[in-house]
N, C-alpha and C. Protein backbone atom coordinates (compact mmCIF):
# COMPACT_ATOMS: atom_id res chain seq x y z
N MET A 1 -12.45 -8.95 -11.46
CA MET A 1 -12.13 -8.21 -10.24
C MET A 1 -10.80 -7.63 -10.35
N THR A 2 -10.55 -6.39 -9.63
CA THR A 2 -9.39 -5.79 -9.63
C THR A 2 -8.89 -5.82 -8.22
N TYR A 3 -7.54 -6.13 -8.08
CA TYR A 3 -6.91 -6.08 -6.76
C TYR A 3 -5.69 -5.14 -6.75
N TYR A 4 -5.41 -4.62 -5.70
CA TYR A 4 -4.33 -3.60 -5.55
C TYR A 4 -3.11 -3.89 -4.47
N PHE A 5 -2.01 -3.46 -5.06
CA PHE A 5 -0.80 -3.40 -4.21
C PHE A 5 -0.66 -1.92 -3.87
N TYR A 6 -0.42 -1.47 -2.65
CA TYR A 6 -0.24 -0.06 -2.29
C TYR A 6 0.85 0.16 -1.40
N LEU A 7 1.33 1.47 -1.44
CA LEU A 7 2.26 1.98 -0.53
C LEU A 7 1.35 3.16 0.24
N ALA A 8 1.25 3.03 1.49
CA ALA A 8 0.61 4.01 2.37
C ALA A 8 1.72 4.87 3.07
N ARG A 9 1.45 6.17 2.92
CA ARG A 9 2.47 7.23 3.66
C ARG A 9 1.80 7.35 5.14
N CYS A 10 2.36 7.07 6.11
CA CYS A 10 2.03 7.23 7.52
C CYS A 10 2.37 8.65 7.98
N SER A 11 1.71 9.01 9.15
CA SER A 11 1.96 10.35 9.71
C SER A 11 3.36 10.59 10.25
N ASP A 12 4.22 9.39 10.44
CA ASP A 12 5.44 9.62 10.85
C ASP A 12 6.58 9.49 9.55
N ASN A 13 5.81 9.62 8.40
CA ASN A 13 6.63 9.66 7.07
C ASN A 13 7.20 8.08 6.76
N SER A 14 6.65 7.18 7.55
CA SER A 14 7.05 5.83 7.05
C SER A 14 6.10 5.31 5.98
N LEU A 15 6.59 4.25 5.31
CA LEU A 15 5.75 3.81 4.32
C LEU A 15 5.18 2.30 4.78
N TYR A 16 3.91 2.06 4.44
CA TYR A 16 3.41 0.61 4.87
C TYR A 16 3.00 0.06 3.53
N CYS A 17 3.31 -1.29 3.30
CA CYS A 17 3.06 -2.05 2.05
C CYS A 17 1.76 -2.95 2.38
N GLY A 18 0.86 -2.80 1.44
CA GLY A 18 -0.33 -3.68 1.63
C GLY A 18 -1.04 -4.01 0.23
N SER A 19 -2.03 -4.86 0.50
CA SER A 19 -2.81 -5.21 -0.66
C SER A 19 -4.17 -5.32 -0.40
N CYS A 20 -5.24 -5.01 -1.34
CA CYS A 20 -6.45 -4.96 -1.06
C CYS A 20 -7.46 -5.07 -2.37
N LYS A 21 -8.79 -5.08 -2.10
CA LYS A 21 -9.76 -5.14 -3.26
C LYS A 21 -10.24 -3.79 -3.53
N ASP A 22 -10.22 -2.87 -2.46
CA ASP A 22 -10.98 -1.62 -2.60
C ASP A 22 -10.04 -0.65 -1.97
N LEU A 23 -9.56 0.32 -2.81
CA LEU A 23 -8.51 1.33 -2.10
C LEU A 23 -9.15 2.19 -1.18
N GLN A 24 -10.19 2.83 -1.55
CA GLN A 24 -10.99 3.67 -0.76
C GLN A 24 -11.35 3.12 0.61
N LYS A 25 -11.83 2.10 0.51
CA LYS A 25 -12.34 1.33 1.74
C LYS A 25 -11.08 0.94 2.59
N ARG A 26 -10.02 0.61 2.07
CA ARG A 26 -8.95 0.16 2.89
C ARG A 26 -8.32 1.33 3.51
N GLU A 27 -8.10 2.47 2.80
CA GLU A 27 -7.49 3.65 3.37
C GLU A 27 -8.56 4.22 4.61
N GLU A 28 -9.87 4.09 4.32
CA GLU A 28 -10.73 4.44 5.48
C GLU A 28 -10.38 3.58 6.63
N ALA A 29 -10.30 2.15 6.44
CA ALA A 29 -10.03 1.32 7.45
C ALA A 29 -8.86 1.65 8.22
N HIS A 30 -7.70 1.73 7.52
CA HIS A 30 -6.54 2.17 8.16
C HIS A 30 -6.71 3.61 9.10
N ASN A 31 -7.37 4.42 8.55
CA ASN A 31 -7.59 5.81 9.28
C ASN A 31 -8.71 5.70 10.36
N GLU A 32 -9.53 4.49 10.38
CA GLU A 32 -10.45 4.48 11.38
C GLU A 32 -9.80 3.66 12.54
N GLY A 33 -8.45 3.15 12.36
CA GLY A 33 -7.92 2.26 13.32
C GLY A 33 -8.28 0.83 13.14
N LYS A 34 -8.88 0.40 12.05
CA LYS A 34 -9.40 -0.86 11.93
C LYS A 34 -8.43 -1.63 10.85
N GLY A 35 -7.32 -0.98 10.39
CA GLY A 35 -6.35 -1.57 9.47
C GLY A 35 -5.33 -2.31 10.15
N ALA A 36 -4.20 -2.35 9.63
CA ALA A 36 -3.06 -3.07 10.07
C ALA A 36 -2.50 -2.50 11.51
N LYS A 37 -1.93 -3.28 12.26
CA LYS A 37 -1.55 -2.88 13.63
C LYS A 37 -0.49 -1.81 13.50
N TYR A 38 0.45 -1.86 12.45
CA TYR A 38 1.52 -0.93 12.28
C TYR A 38 0.91 0.42 11.94
N THR A 39 -0.30 0.69 11.28
CA THR A 39 -0.80 1.97 10.86
C THR A 39 -1.52 2.51 12.12
N ARG A 40 -2.05 1.69 12.94
CA ARG A 40 -3.03 2.26 14.12
C ARG A 40 -2.38 3.45 14.78
N SER A 41 -1.03 3.29 15.11
CA SER A 41 -0.49 4.34 15.90
C SER A 41 0.21 5.48 14.97
N ARG A 42 -0.12 5.30 13.74
CA ARG A 42 0.67 6.29 12.73
C ARG A 42 -0.36 6.91 11.76
N ARG A 43 -1.44 7.12 12.31
CA ARG A 43 -2.65 7.84 11.42
C ARG A 43 -2.47 9.32 11.62
N PRO A 44 -3.00 9.97 10.58
CA PRO A 44 -3.63 9.32 9.42
C PRO A 44 -2.58 8.95 8.36
N ILE A 45 -2.98 8.18 7.43
CA ILE A 45 -2.21 7.62 6.32
C ILE A 45 -3.08 8.08 5.10
N HIS A 46 -2.24 8.08 3.96
CA HIS A 46 -2.82 8.28 2.75
C HIS A 46 -2.06 7.43 1.74
N PHE A 47 -2.55 6.94 0.79
CA PHE A 47 -1.88 6.15 -0.23
C PHE A 47 -0.98 6.81 -1.25
N ALA A 48 0.28 6.53 -1.12
CA ALA A 48 1.28 7.34 -1.90
C ALA A 48 1.53 6.65 -3.36
N TYR A 49 1.13 5.36 -3.40
CA TYR A 49 1.32 4.64 -4.63
C TYR A 49 0.48 3.47 -4.79
N HIS A 50 -0.01 2.98 -5.84
CA HIS A 50 -0.61 1.72 -5.93
C HIS A 50 -0.44 1.18 -7.42
N GLU A 51 -0.48 -0.10 -7.51
CA GLU A 51 -0.62 -0.85 -8.75
C GLU A 51 -1.81 -1.73 -8.78
N THR A 52 -2.40 -2.00 -9.98
CA THR A 52 -3.57 -3.00 -10.13
C THR A 52 -3.16 -4.32 -10.57
N PHE A 53 -3.95 -5.23 -10.34
CA PHE A 53 -3.60 -6.59 -10.55
C PHE A 53 -5.06 -7.34 -10.92
N THR A 54 -5.07 -8.40 -11.74
CA THR A 54 -6.20 -9.03 -12.06
C THR A 54 -6.45 -10.25 -11.04
N THR A 55 -5.29 -10.66 -10.26
CA THR A 55 -5.60 -11.65 -9.17
C THR A 55 -4.98 -11.16 -7.82
N LEU A 56 -5.62 -11.64 -6.70
CA LEU A 56 -5.21 -11.35 -5.46
C LEU A 56 -3.80 -11.93 -5.27
N SER A 57 -3.60 -13.09 -5.77
CA SER A 57 -2.08 -13.89 -5.61
C SER A 57 -1.17 -12.76 -6.19
N ASP A 58 -1.36 -12.21 -7.47
CA ASP A 58 -0.30 -11.34 -8.11
C ASP A 58 0.00 -10.16 -7.20
N ALA A 59 -1.24 -9.63 -6.51
CA ALA A 59 -1.03 -8.43 -5.66
C ALA A 59 -0.25 -8.73 -4.49
N LEU A 60 -0.53 -9.95 -3.87
CA LEU A 60 0.17 -10.50 -2.73
C LEU A 60 1.62 -10.75 -2.91
N LYS A 61 1.96 -11.16 -4.16
CA LYS A 61 3.31 -11.40 -4.50
C LYS A 61 4.13 -10.18 -4.46
N ARG A 62 3.48 -9.16 -5.22
CA ARG A 62 4.02 -7.83 -5.23
C ARG A 62 4.34 -7.27 -3.74
N GLU A 63 3.38 -7.34 -3.17
CA GLU A 63 3.48 -6.82 -1.77
C GLU A 63 4.70 -7.40 -1.05
N SER A 64 4.74 -8.80 -1.12
CA SER A 64 5.87 -9.50 -0.58
C SER A 64 7.16 -9.11 -1.10
N GLU A 65 7.34 -8.99 -2.35
CA GLU A 65 8.62 -8.40 -2.98
C GLU A 65 8.86 -7.16 -2.40
N VAL A 66 8.09 -6.19 -2.43
CA VAL A 66 8.42 -4.78 -1.95
C VAL A 66 8.76 -4.62 -0.64
N LYS A 67 8.05 -5.46 0.25
CA LYS A 67 8.31 -5.26 1.78
C LYS A 67 9.69 -5.56 2.10
N LYS A 68 10.46 -6.40 1.21
CA LYS A 68 11.78 -6.68 1.40
C LYS A 68 12.84 -5.59 1.06
N TRP A 69 12.29 -4.72 0.36
CA TRP A 69 13.09 -3.48 -0.26
C TRP A 69 13.48 -2.59 0.81
N SER A 70 14.63 -1.85 0.61
CA SER A 70 15.05 -0.80 1.52
C SER A 70 14.11 0.38 1.56
N LYS A 71 14.00 1.32 2.43
CA LYS A 71 13.17 2.33 2.47
C LYS A 71 13.65 3.30 1.31
N VAL A 72 14.83 3.42 1.05
CA VAL A 72 15.19 4.24 -0.14
C VAL A 72 14.45 3.74 -1.41
N LYS A 73 14.62 2.45 -1.75
CA LYS A 73 13.95 1.83 -2.91
C LYS A 73 12.45 2.07 -2.85
N LYS A 74 11.89 1.87 -1.69
CA LYS A 74 10.36 2.16 -1.58
C LYS A 74 10.00 3.62 -1.93
N GLU A 75 10.77 4.35 -1.41
CA GLU A 75 10.65 5.92 -1.68
C GLU A 75 10.57 6.11 -3.11
N ARG A 76 11.61 5.58 -3.93
CA ARG A 76 11.76 5.75 -5.36
C ARG A 76 10.46 5.25 -5.90
N LEU A 77 10.01 4.11 -5.60
CA LEU A 77 8.62 3.74 -6.15
C LEU A 77 7.37 4.66 -5.80
N ALA A 78 7.45 5.11 -4.66
CA ALA A 78 6.41 6.02 -4.19
C ALA A 78 6.33 7.26 -4.99
N GLN A 79 7.50 7.69 -5.57
CA GLN A 79 7.56 8.96 -6.37
C GLN A 79 7.08 8.57 -7.89
N GLU A 80 6.97 7.40 -8.19
CA GLU A 80 6.40 7.13 -9.44
C GLU A 80 4.91 7.35 -9.54
N LYS A 81 4.48 7.53 -10.75
CA LYS A 81 3.09 7.62 -10.94
C LYS A 81 2.29 6.30 -10.70
N HIS A 82 1.11 6.46 -10.31
CA HIS A 82 0.26 5.06 -10.12
C HIS A 82 0.40 4.32 -11.47
N SER A 83 0.46 3.17 -11.31
CA SER A 83 0.47 2.31 -12.60
C SER A 83 -0.21 1.08 -12.65
N SER A 84 -0.37 0.41 -13.66
CA SER A 84 -1.13 -0.79 -13.88
C SER A 84 -0.28 -1.96 -14.29
N LYS A 85 -0.39 -3.06 -13.58
CA LYS A 85 0.43 -4.11 -13.82
C LYS A 85 -0.37 -5.32 -14.44
N ASP A 86 -1.62 -5.09 -14.78
CA ASP A 86 -2.40 -6.26 -15.22
C ASP A 86 -2.25 -6.63 -16.74
């Protein structure tokens, strides 16, 4: 199975970090107001960046790491091409 770490660009131009099993379903959930509380008032969102992992644990570790970064550093990451980390 494949797992993902992602950066979502919110309507207020902020970035939200998350992880999931299905990018399309997760983006739909965020935009239907069924995602994270943070994104509910910042819809619509779109994924600006993602990485793939072979375990949920690795995706969650990456999410935790990036959440601690400054907005500037997250923005640099969002400008990179989508990548694979598995």
